[in-house]
Amino acid sequence: MGALTELTIRKLAHPAKGSTKHLDPSLPGFGVRCTTRSKAFFVMYGAGRRLKTLGKWPELSLKEARQAARKLLANPVADTPRSPFFHDARDAFLRDCRSRLRPSTIERYYYALRGIDNERLDRVSTSRHDPNQLKALKALYNWCIDHDLHDRNPFVRRKVHFAVRIASSPTKKWRRSGGLISDLFQTPLNCFS
């Protein structure tokens, strides 16, 4: 593919799921990321190859995005802010959730995230096991990435497993992590025979 133009961006297809990145050969590190619903400009910069979203197309034109990318690539140190505190990001996340999610979901997120306070976003421990907390942390970090508060989600590869009761079973079996855990006394004791 040649250099990106407004026409080539318009013709880029949206993937069925996930996202695809199309790099611009005329400006190394600059490109367009196509998701299922939108197209956005990004720039990859620095020794750690940090990824920063510049804005969505067509709200941000290709010319403006290239100028912003050149500026960032010329001076990458100027755009490395200190990581915000977790409680600030959590409060902003919950305020944003109020406008788009059900109250029960917001309450679940609130109770799952309430115990984490005076840590920076980049220093939150990933050794958590509570499935509700893992699910809330995944959502929070994805929101932080979308709002340029953080550049990666440390919980993205953590699988969330909830214990689910199988209602049709008379022995009260529970399903967890793909296996079955029975009650302690699944079969009657034959101690009087």
Protein backbone atom coordinates (compact mmCIF):
# COMPACT_ATOMS: atom_id res chain seq x y z
CA MET A 1 0.00 0.00 0.00
CA GLY A 2 1.27 3.48 -0.85
CA ALA A 3 1.10 6.61 1.26
CA LEU A 4 -2.19 7.20 3.06
CA THR A 5 -4.64 9.62 1.45
CA GLU A 6 -8.16 10.64 2.42
CA LEU A 7 -9.48 8.36 -0.34
CA THR A 8 -7.50 5.30 0.78
CA ILE A 9 -8.64 5.86 4.37
CA ARG A 10 -12.25 6.07 3.24
CA LYS A 11 -11.87 2.78 1.32
CA LEU A 12 -10.27 0.87 4.20
CA ALA A 13 -12.63 -1.90 5.31
CA HIS A 14 -13.75 -2.33 8.91
CA PRO A 15 -12.79 -5.77 10.30
CA ALA A 16 -15.50 -8.14 11.53
CA LYS A 17 -13.92 -8.10 15.01
CA GLY A 18 -10.82 -6.67 16.63
CA SER A 19 -8.75 -4.06 14.84
CA THR A 20 -6.29 -3.75 11.98
CA LYS A 21 -3.44 -1.26 11.64
CA HIS A 22 -2.38 0.30 8.35
CA LEU A 23 0.99 2.05 8.47
CA ASP A 24 1.89 5.04 6.32
CA PRO A 25 5.22 4.41 4.53
CA SER A 26 5.78 8.14 4.03
CA LEU A 27 5.96 8.75 7.82
CA PRO A 28 7.38 5.84 9.88
CA GLY A 29 5.39 5.15 13.03
CA PHE A 30 2.23 6.85 11.75
CA GLY A 31 -0.88 5.01 10.62
CA VAL A 32 -4.60 4.35 10.81
CA ARG A 33 -6.25 1.78 13.08
CA CYS A 34 -9.55 0.41 11.81
CA THR A 35 -11.94 -1.12 14.33
CA THR A 36 -15.40 -2.57 13.81
CA ARG A 37 -16.99 0.89 14.07
CA SER A 38 -14.37 3.60 13.57
CA LYS A 39 -11.04 4.62 12.10
CA ALA A 40 -8.46 6.50 14.13
CA PHE A 41 -4.97 7.88 13.55
CA PHE A 42 -2.14 6.64 15.75
CA VAL A 43 1.58 7.16 16.14
CA MET A 44 4.13 4.72 17.53
CA TYR A 45 7.10 6.46 19.12
CA GLY A 46 9.99 6.20 21.55
CA ALA A 47 12.29 3.36 22.51
CA GLY A 48 9.39 1.46 24.10
CA ARG A 49 7.30 1.89 20.92
CA ARG A 50 4.48 3.58 22.79
CA LEU A 51 1.22 3.85 20.90
CA LYS A 52 -0.77 7.08 21.07
CA THR A 53 -4.12 7.70 19.43
CA LEU A 54 -4.18 11.12 17.79
CA GLY A 55 -7.88 11.29 16.96
CA LYS A 56 -10.70 9.74 14.97
CA TRP A 57 -11.15 10.12 11.25
CA PRO A 58 -12.93 12.15 9.72
CA GLU A 59 -13.13 14.54 12.71
CA LEU A 60 -9.33 14.83 12.48
CA SER A 61 -8.08 15.27 8.93
CA LEU A 62 -5.11 13.37 7.54
CA LYS A 63 -3.09 16.59 7.26
CA GLU A 64 -3.69 17.55 10.91
CA ALA A 65 -2.90 13.99 12.07
CA ARG A 66 0.39 13.96 10.14
CA GLN A 67 1.38 17.31 11.67
CA ALA A 68 0.63 16.04 15.18
CA ALA A 69 2.56 12.81 14.47
CA ARG A 70 5.61 14.72 13.18
CA LYS A 71 5.55 16.93 16.27
CA LEU A 72 5.37 13.93 18.58
CA LEU A 73 8.04 11.97 16.68
CA ALA A 74 10.38 15.00 16.76
CA ASN A 75 10.11 15.35 20.55
CA PRO A 76 8.76 12.14 22.12
CA VAL A 77 9.95 13.03 25.64
CA ALA A 78 7.60 16.02 25.80
CA ASP A 79 4.56 13.71 25.63
CA THR A 80 5.37 11.31 28.46
CA PRO A 81 3.18 12.49 31.35
CA ARG A 82 3.42 10.93 34.76
CA SER A 83 0.91 8.18 35.37
CA PRO A 84 -2.19 9.49 37.21
CA PHE A 85 -3.31 8.10 40.54
CA PHE A 86 -5.67 5.16 40.40
CA HIS A 87 -8.39 6.84 42.46
CA ASP A 88 -8.55 9.81 40.03
CA ALA A 89 -8.91 7.50 37.02
CA ARG A 90 -11.46 5.34 38.90
CA ASP A 91 -13.63 8.34 39.81
CA ALA A 92 -13.57 9.67 36.23
CA PHE A 93 -14.34 6.17 34.89
CA LEU A 94 -17.35 5.76 37.20
CA ARG A 95 -18.66 9.25 36.28
CA ASP A 96 -18.46 8.31 32.60
CA CYS A 97 -20.13 4.94 33.27
CA ARG A 98 -23.17 6.67 34.80
CA SER A 99 -24.12 8.07 31.40
CA ARG A 100 -23.93 4.77 29.50
CA LEU A 101 -24.29 1.75 31.81
CA ARG A 102 -26.96 0.25 34.05
CA PRO A 103 -26.90 1.20 37.75
CA SER A 104 -26.25 -2.42 38.76
CA THR A 105 -23.10 -2.53 36.60
CA ILE A 106 -21.84 0.76 38.04
CA GLU A 107 -22.46 -0.52 41.56
CA ARG A 108 -20.56 -3.74 40.80
CA TYR A 109 -17.63 -1.73 39.39
CA TYR A 110 -17.66 0.60 42.40
CA TYR A 111 -17.53 -2.22 44.98
CA ALA A 112 -14.86 -4.11 43.01
CA LEU A 113 -12.57 -1.06 42.66
CA ARG A 114 -13.09 0.66 46.02
CA GLY A 115 -10.14 -0.96 47.84
CA ILE A 116 -7.45 0.32 45.47
CA ASP A 117 -6.54 3.92 46.26
CA ASN A 118 -3.10 5.45 46.59
CA GLU A 119 -1.34 3.74 43.72
CA ARG A 120 -0.43 5.07 40.30
CA LEU A 121 -2.07 3.40 37.30
CA ASP A 122 1.23 1.87 36.19
CA ARG A 123 1.90 0.35 39.63
CA VAL A 124 -1.36 -1.48 40.36
CA SER A 125 -0.67 -5.11 41.28
CA THR A 126 -1.80 -7.65 38.68
CA SER A 127 -1.93 -10.51 41.19
CA ARG A 128 -5.66 -10.28 41.80
CA HIS A 129 -8.00 -13.27 41.87
CA ASP A 130 -11.49 -11.88 42.49
CA PRO A 131 -13.37 -12.26 39.18
CA ASN A 132 -15.50 -9.15 39.78
CA GLN A 133 -12.39 -7.09 40.45
CA LEU A 134 -10.59 -8.46 37.37
CA LYS A 135 -13.55 -7.67 35.14
CA ALA A 136 -13.80 -4.12 36.54
CA LEU A 137 -10.04 -3.56 36.19
CA LYS A 138 -10.12 -4.70 32.56
CA ALA A 139 -12.95 -2.26 31.81
CA LEU A 140 -11.20 0.57 33.69
CA TYR A 141 -7.87 0.13 31.89
CA ASN A 142 -9.59 -0.10 28.48
CA TRP A 143 -11.36 3.16 29.31
CA CYS A 144 -8.02 4.71 30.38
CA ILE A 145 -6.45 3.71 27.06
CA ASP A 146 -9.35 5.27 25.14
CA HIS A 147 -8.97 8.51 27.14
CA ASP A 148 -5.14 8.61 26.88
CA LEU A 149 -4.54 8.16 30.61
CA HIS A 150 -2.56 4.94 30.14
CA ASP A 151 -0.95 3.19 27.19
CA ARG A 152 -1.59 -0.50 27.93
CA ASN A 153 -3.92 -2.84 29.82
CA PRO A 154 -1.99 -5.12 32.19
CA PHE A 155 -5.11 -7.28 32.73
CA VAL A 156 -5.86 -7.94 29.06
CA ARG A 157 -4.61 -11.54 29.10
CA ARG A 158 -6.09 -12.45 32.49
CA LYS A 159 -9.09 -14.76 32.15
CA VAL A 160 -12.10 -14.18 34.36
CA HIS A 161 -13.81 -17.30 35.72
CA PHE A 162 -17.05 -17.06 37.68
CA ALA A 163 -18.47 -20.03 39.61
CA VAL A 164 -21.82 -20.89 38.03
CA ARG A 165 -24.38 -23.24 39.59
CA ILE A 166 -25.95 -25.82 37.33
CA ALA A 167 -29.63 -25.56 38.27
CA SER A 168 -30.81 -28.83 36.72
CA SER A 169 -28.45 -31.00 38.75
CA PRO A 170 -29.91 -32.62 41.92
CA THR A 171 -26.43 -32.91 43.48
CA LYS A 172 -25.73 -29.16 43.52
CA LYS A 173 -22.69 -29.25 41.28
CA TRP A 174 -20.79 -26.05 40.57
CA ARG A 175 -18.85 -25.28 37.43
CA ARG A 176 -15.58 -23.40 37.84
CA SER A 177 -12.73 -23.01 35.36
CA GLY A 178 -14.06 -25.73 33.09
CA GLY A 179 -14.24 -28.46 35.80
CA LEU A 180 -16.96 -29.66 38.16
CA ILE A 181 -16.78 -29.32 41.93
CA SER A 182 -19.34 -31.40 43.84
CA ASP A 183 -20.71 -30.88 47.31
CA LEU A 184 -18.78 -32.65 50.03
CA PHE A 185 -21.53 -35.21 50.58
CA GLN A 186 -22.69 -35.88 47.06
CA THR A 187 -23.64 -39.51 47.78
CA PRO A 188 -25.42 -40.63 50.97
CA LEU A 189 -23.23 -42.12 53.69
CA ASN A 190 -23.67 -45.84 54.30
CA CYS A 191 -22.45 -45.78 57.89
CA PHE A 192 -25.55 -47.54 59.30
CA SER A 193 -25.49 -50.59 57.06
